[in-house]
Protein backbone atom coordinates (compact mmCIF):
# COMPACT_ATOMS: atom_id res chain seq x y z
CA MET A 1 -19.90 -19.30 -2.52
CA THR A 2 -21.97 -17.45 -0.04
CA ASN A 3 -24.40 -14.58 -0.58
CA LEU A 4 -21.75 -12.10 1.18
CA GLN A 5 -18.91 -13.56 -1.11
CA ASN A 6 -21.05 -13.03 -4.24
CA ASP A 7 -21.81 -9.46 -3.27
CA PHE A 8 -18.13 -8.83 -2.43
CA GLU A 9 -16.99 -10.06 -5.66
CA THR A 10 -19.63 -7.98 -7.59
CA ARG A 11 -18.29 -4.74 -5.90
CA LEU A 12 -14.86 -5.80 -6.13
CA ASN A 13 -15.42 -6.05 -10.05
CA ASN A 14 -17.07 -2.65 -10.09
CA ALA A 15 -14.56 -1.01 -7.98
CA ALA A 16 -11.71 -2.43 -10.08
CA ALA A 17 -13.35 -1.29 -13.33
CA SER A 18 -13.85 2.43 -11.91
CA LEU A 19 -10.28 2.49 -10.96
CA LYS A 20 -9.11 1.06 -14.23
CA VAL A 21 -7.28 -1.99 -12.49
CA ASP A 22 -7.50 -5.28 -14.39
CA LEU A 23 -8.14 -8.10 -12.13
CA SER A 24 -8.10 -11.62 -13.33
CA GLY A 25 -10.49 -14.41 -11.79
CA LYS A 26 -7.56 -15.49 -9.97
CA GLN A 27 -6.55 -12.22 -8.63
CA ARG A 28 -10.02 -11.46 -7.40
CA GLU A 29 -10.17 -14.58 -5.52
CA GLN A 30 -6.83 -13.97 -3.98
CA ILE A 31 -8.09 -10.31 -2.72
CA LEU A 32 -11.32 -12.08 -1.27
CA ARG A 33 -9.25 -14.73 0.42
CA TYR A 34 -7.14 -11.92 1.89
CA ILE A 35 -10.06 -10.34 3.48
CA ASN A 36 -11.31 -13.71 4.73
CA GLN A 37 -7.89 -14.36 6.23
CA LEU A 38 -7.41 -10.73 7.62
CA GLN A 39 -10.81 -10.97 9.36
CA ARG A 40 -9.73 -14.57 10.96
CA TRP A 41 -6.48 -13.29 12.11
CA ASN A 42 -7.75 -10.23 13.31
CA LYS A 43 -9.89 -11.92 15.87
CA THR A 44 -6.54 -13.03 17.80
CA TYR A 45 -3.96 -10.86 16.74
CA ASN A 46 -5.40 -7.46 16.23
CA LEU A 47 -3.96 -6.38 12.89
CA THR A 48 -6.42 -3.57 12.20
CA ALA A 49 -8.89 -1.50 14.24
CA VAL A 50 -11.52 -2.05 11.26
CA ARG A 51 -13.55 -5.46 12.47
CA ASP A 52 -16.39 -5.54 9.78
CA PRO A 53 -15.60 -7.31 6.52
CA GLU A 54 -17.36 -4.79 4.56
CA GLN A 55 -15.43 -1.93 5.99
CA MET A 56 -12.24 -3.88 5.27
CA LEU A 57 -13.27 -4.18 1.65
CA ILE A 58 -13.91 -0.44 1.37
CA GLN A 59 -11.50 1.32 3.76
CA HIS A 60 -8.76 -1.18 3.14
CA VAL A 61 -8.85 -3.10 -0.27
CA PHE A 62 -10.52 -0.49 -2.36
CA ASP A 63 -8.27 2.22 -0.51
CA SER A 64 -5.23 0.34 -1.61
CA LEU A 65 -6.30 -0.50 -5.01
CA SER A 66 -6.71 3.07 -5.72
CA VAL A 67 -2.98 3.72 -6.03
CA VAL A 68 -2.27 0.92 -8.45
CA SER A 69 -3.01 3.10 -11.36
CA PRO A 70 -0.85 6.02 -10.19
CA ILE A 71 2.15 3.74 -9.45
CA ASP A 72 1.69 1.96 -12.75
CA GLU A 73 1.91 5.41 -14.44
CA LEU A 74 5.45 5.81 -12.54
CA VAL A 75 6.36 2.34 -13.47
CA SER A 76 5.49 2.75 -17.27
CA ALA A 77 7.57 5.91 -17.28
CA LYS A 78 10.66 4.02 -16.31
CA LYS A 79 9.99 1.76 -19.35
CA THR A 80 10.42 -1.41 -17.18
CA ASN A 81 8.34 -3.84 -15.00
CA ASP A 82 11.43 -4.57 -12.81
CA VAL A 83 10.34 -2.53 -10.03
CA LYS A 84 11.00 -2.69 -6.26
CA ILE A 85 8.47 -0.98 -3.83
CA MET A 86 8.78 -1.00 0.08
CA ASP A 87 5.73 -0.50 1.94
CA VAL A 88 6.52 1.25 5.15
CA GLY A 89 4.50 0.54 8.50
CA SER A 90 2.51 -1.97 6.46
CA GLY A 91 0.48 -3.24 9.40
CA GLY A 92 -1.46 -6.30 7.90
CA GLY A 93 0.09 -5.77 4.34
CA LEU A 94 -1.73 -2.63 3.29
CA PRO A 95 -1.17 -1.45 0.39
CA GLY A 96 1.47 -3.97 -0.02
CA VAL A 97 -0.59 -7.36 -0.32
CA ILE A 98 -3.04 -5.64 -2.60
CA LEU A 99 -0.23 -4.26 -5.04
CA ALA A 100 1.57 -7.67 -5.01
CA ILE A 101 -1.80 -9.26 -6.04
CA ALA A 102 -2.62 -6.88 -8.59
CA LYS A 103 0.90 -6.31 -10.09
CA PRO A 104 2.63 -9.86 -9.91
CA ASP A 105 5.74 -8.19 -11.74
CA TRP A 106 6.39 -5.86 -8.94
CA ASP A 107 8.59 -6.83 -6.18
CA ILE A 108 6.71 -5.79 -2.67
CA THR A 109 8.55 -5.52 0.58
CA CYS A 110 6.66 -4.96 3.56
CA VAL A 111 8.17 -3.64 6.65
CA ASP A 112 6.52 -3.21 10.09
CA ALA A 113 8.20 -3.22 13.77
CA VAL A 114 5.31 -5.44 14.90
CA GLU A 115 6.31 -9.17 14.45
CA LYS A 116 2.71 -10.71 14.33
CA LYS A 117 1.71 -8.35 11.48
CA MET A 118 4.59 -9.46 9.47
CA ALA A 119 4.00 -12.94 10.22
CA PHE A 120 0.48 -12.45 8.67
CA VAL A 121 2.21 -10.94 5.70
CA ARG A 122 4.30 -13.95 5.33
CA GLN A 123 1.46 -16.39 5.62
CA MET A 124 -0.34 -14.26 2.95
CA SER A 125 2.65 -14.71 0.73
CA ALA A 126 2.45 -18.48 1.05
CA VAL A 127 -1.25 -19.14 1.16
CA LEU A 128 -2.02 -16.62 -1.74
CA GLU A 129 0.98 -18.00 -3.69
CA LEU A 130 2.75 -14.47 -4.17
CA PRO A 131 6.50 -15.02 -4.74
CA ASN A 132 6.78 -11.33 -5.29
CA LEU A 133 5.72 -10.47 -1.61
CA HIS A 134 8.13 -10.22 1.26
CA ALA A 135 8.01 -9.32 4.87
CA THR A 136 10.50 -7.70 7.00
CA HIS A 137 9.99 -7.38 10.83
CA GLN A 138 12.28 -4.57 11.70
CA ARG A 139 12.05 -0.88 12.46
CA VAL A 140 12.51 0.82 8.91
CA GLU A 141 15.29 3.02 10.06
CA THR A 142 17.56 -0.08 11.29
CA ILE A 143 17.29 -1.83 7.93
CA PRO A 144 20.23 -1.63 5.57
CA PRO A 145 19.30 0.64 2.34
CA TYR A 146 17.14 -0.83 0.26
CA GLN A 147 17.45 0.80 -3.02
CA ALA A 148 13.70 0.78 -3.69
CA ASP A 149 12.16 2.51 -6.89
CA ILE A 150 9.15 3.58 -4.62
CA VAL A 151 8.87 3.67 -0.86
CA ILE A 152 5.25 4.14 -0.07
CA SER A 153 3.32 4.49 3.29
CA ARG A 154 -0.39 4.46 4.20
CA ALA A 155 -1.35 6.39 7.25
CA PHE A 156 2.09 5.56 8.69
CA ALA A 157 3.55 9.05 10.01
CA SER A 158 3.88 12.57 9.22
CA LEU A 159 5.65 13.39 6.10
CA VAL A 160 8.47 14.68 8.00
CA ASP A 161 8.91 11.38 10.21
CA PHE A 162 8.37 9.21 6.84
CA VAL A 163 11.23 11.13 5.06
CA SER A 164 13.60 11.05 8.38
CA LEU A 165 12.96 7.55 8.84
CA ALA A 166 12.68 5.93 5.41
CA SER A 167 14.14 8.18 2.72
CA ARG A 168 17.47 6.14 3.25
CA HIS A 169 15.65 3.48 1.10
CA VAL A 170 15.05 5.22 -1.87
CA GLY A 171 17.35 4.32 -4.94
CA VAL A 172 18.54 6.57 -7.53
CA ASP A 173 15.66 8.48 -9.24
CA GLY A 174 13.29 6.79 -6.85
CA LEU A 175 10.18 8.41 -5.12
CA MET A 176 8.29 8.42 -1.86
CA LEU A 177 4.50 8.03 -1.86
CA ALA A 178 2.47 9.15 1.13
CA MET A 179 -1.11 7.84 1.16
CA LYS A 180 -3.19 10.49 3.24
CA GLY A 181 -6.86 11.76 3.93
CA ARG A 182 -7.06 15.30 3.03
CA GLU A 183 -4.30 17.28 1.94
CA PRO A 184 -1.85 17.56 4.80
CA ASP A 185 -0.85 21.41 4.36
CA ASP A 186 0.82 21.63 7.66
CA GLU A 187 2.80 18.49 7.03
CA VAL A 188 3.73 19.90 3.78
CA ALA A 189 4.85 23.26 5.28
CA ASP A 190 6.79 21.23 7.97
CA LEU A 191 8.69 19.17 5.30
CA ALA A 192 9.71 22.26 3.50
CA LYS A 193 11.43 23.84 6.56
CA LEU A 194 13.33 20.25 7.18
CA GLY A 195 14.61 20.41 3.48
CA GLY A 196 16.24 17.71 1.20
CA TRP A 197 12.88 16.54 0.22
CA GLU A 198 10.02 18.22 -1.58
CA VAL A 199 6.30 17.70 -2.51
CA GLU A 200 6.35 17.15 -6.27
CA GLN A 201 2.69 16.91 -6.51
CA ILE A 202 -0.49 15.88 -4.43
CA LYS A 203 -3.09 14.01 -6.53
CA PRO A 204 -6.74 13.24 -5.16
CA LEU A 205 -7.50 9.71 -4.95
CA PHE A 206 -11.02 8.15 -5.84
CA VAL A 207 -11.88 5.35 -3.41
CA PRO A 208 -15.09 3.61 -4.45
CA GLU A 209 -17.81 3.53 -1.76
CA LEU A 210 -15.72 5.64 0.45
CA ASP A 211 -17.61 9.04 1.54
CA ALA A 212 -14.22 10.54 2.66
CA GLN A 213 -11.23 12.62 1.11
CA ARG A 214 -8.12 10.56 -0.09
CA CYS A 215 -4.84 11.96 -1.70
CA LEU A 216 -1.34 10.65 -2.63
CA VAL A 217 1.53 12.74 -1.87
CA TYR A 218 4.60 12.45 -4.12
CA LEU A 219 7.96 13.19 -2.79
CA SER A 220 11.20 13.71 -4.36
CA GLN A 221 14.74 14.50 -3.45
CA GLN A 222 15.69 18.05 -3.89
CA GLY A 223 18.37 18.68 -6.38
């Protein structure tokens, strides 16, 4: 193992501990292999604007790990591990691939309109041996209703667009979760005008080593 890999593994261990995410040795190895594959594919297919592997670790992996515990709380409240999650506008599989690694019991479907990005996620499902990870190359508004327990997005669209395009995939008693930077006050106001869906709560997210604001917006159907 190279010095860089050793450094990444140490930082991943520390980040997971601070986020209260329990990762086995195999899961840590899967995440590090994911970063390596993302870096390799990115040279040819431009999966992400982030080029530096260290920033991939922080901005992509740690950022995605930050929602594992909040989602786990929602899943625990349902008193079942049989949960379906749709990751909309997933790109190179963020947060979907990380969720699939961290929680093998969760069924994760990544959706993106860019075929090469979903080809990468399909490759990750095979290479990292993640039978719970699936990839769909389609526009999210054209897919038959998915009946997901949770529909999540990360830097995908405004709250109004997210709801307009993807809310049809939320099953009974399901939620939508939007990963955002600072609290999106204007988007919240626009959503209130739209009606149908409302902001249930906004939780600040702690992302290890990231000097920037992050939050998770919980959206539920009115009535």
